[in-house]
Amino acid sequence: MFTAEELYIQSHIDPEGELLSRLNRDTNVKLVRSRMLSGHIQGRMLKMFCRMINAKKVLELGTFTGYSSQCFAEALPDDGFIYTIEENDELEDFINEYLALSPNKDKIRLLMGDAKKIIPTLEDEFDMVFIDADKREYCEYYNLVFPKVRKGGFMLADNTLWSGKILDESEHDPQTEGLRRFNDMVASDERVEKVFVPSRDGLTIIYKK
């Protein structure tokens, strides 16, 4: 269910379009952890961020059902691309079903497997990296992708408030602790500029100097 504020925002931004609306609906109907989907508001934000920096090469860690991948791809030029990495092979058919329907399918390159093993094999330098995979591994993802982000490029880290658990001193599950370590590491990293946006579940925007 959407809040009144979310409904108001959705009615005053660009529509998500028929394909993304269908993907949104099917994800919520067919999958258990549907809240992992970026959704309409965040999807439009991701597209806008990509547009703002004229990104040509994007790397995404954590595809889920491919909603955010398709949002990024909308903003990419014809010769741009996004690598999106997903470890859960049970999602592969679902992802590919919707990628096949996308007008931007040629820009989206799905890589199945462990991001920690795949990232070192990528030879490209990226304009933007979106981190939205295993919360326990955010620090390792950050260290692996950092050399592959161009100077002046951006990293976006999702779920960095983690439903408020970050602030709850009684919460010590591995995901929460992983995000705490990540937030502290980024806050102290002088190689980057960073801003913490309390949108949705928390989004950290990181600029590589």
Foldseek 3Di string as FASTA:
>chain_A
DDDPVVVVVQVVDDHLDDLLVVLLVCLVVPDDVSVLDCDDPSLQVLLVVCLVQQWQEEEEEACQQPSSLLSVLVNHPPNGAYEYEEAPPVNVVNNVVSLVVRPSSVRYHYDYHDCLVVLVVDDAAGQEYEYRYQLLCLVVNCVSCVVRHDQFGKYKYPLLCVQVVLVPPVDDDSNSVSSVVVVVVLVPDPQWDWDWDPPDRIMIMITGD
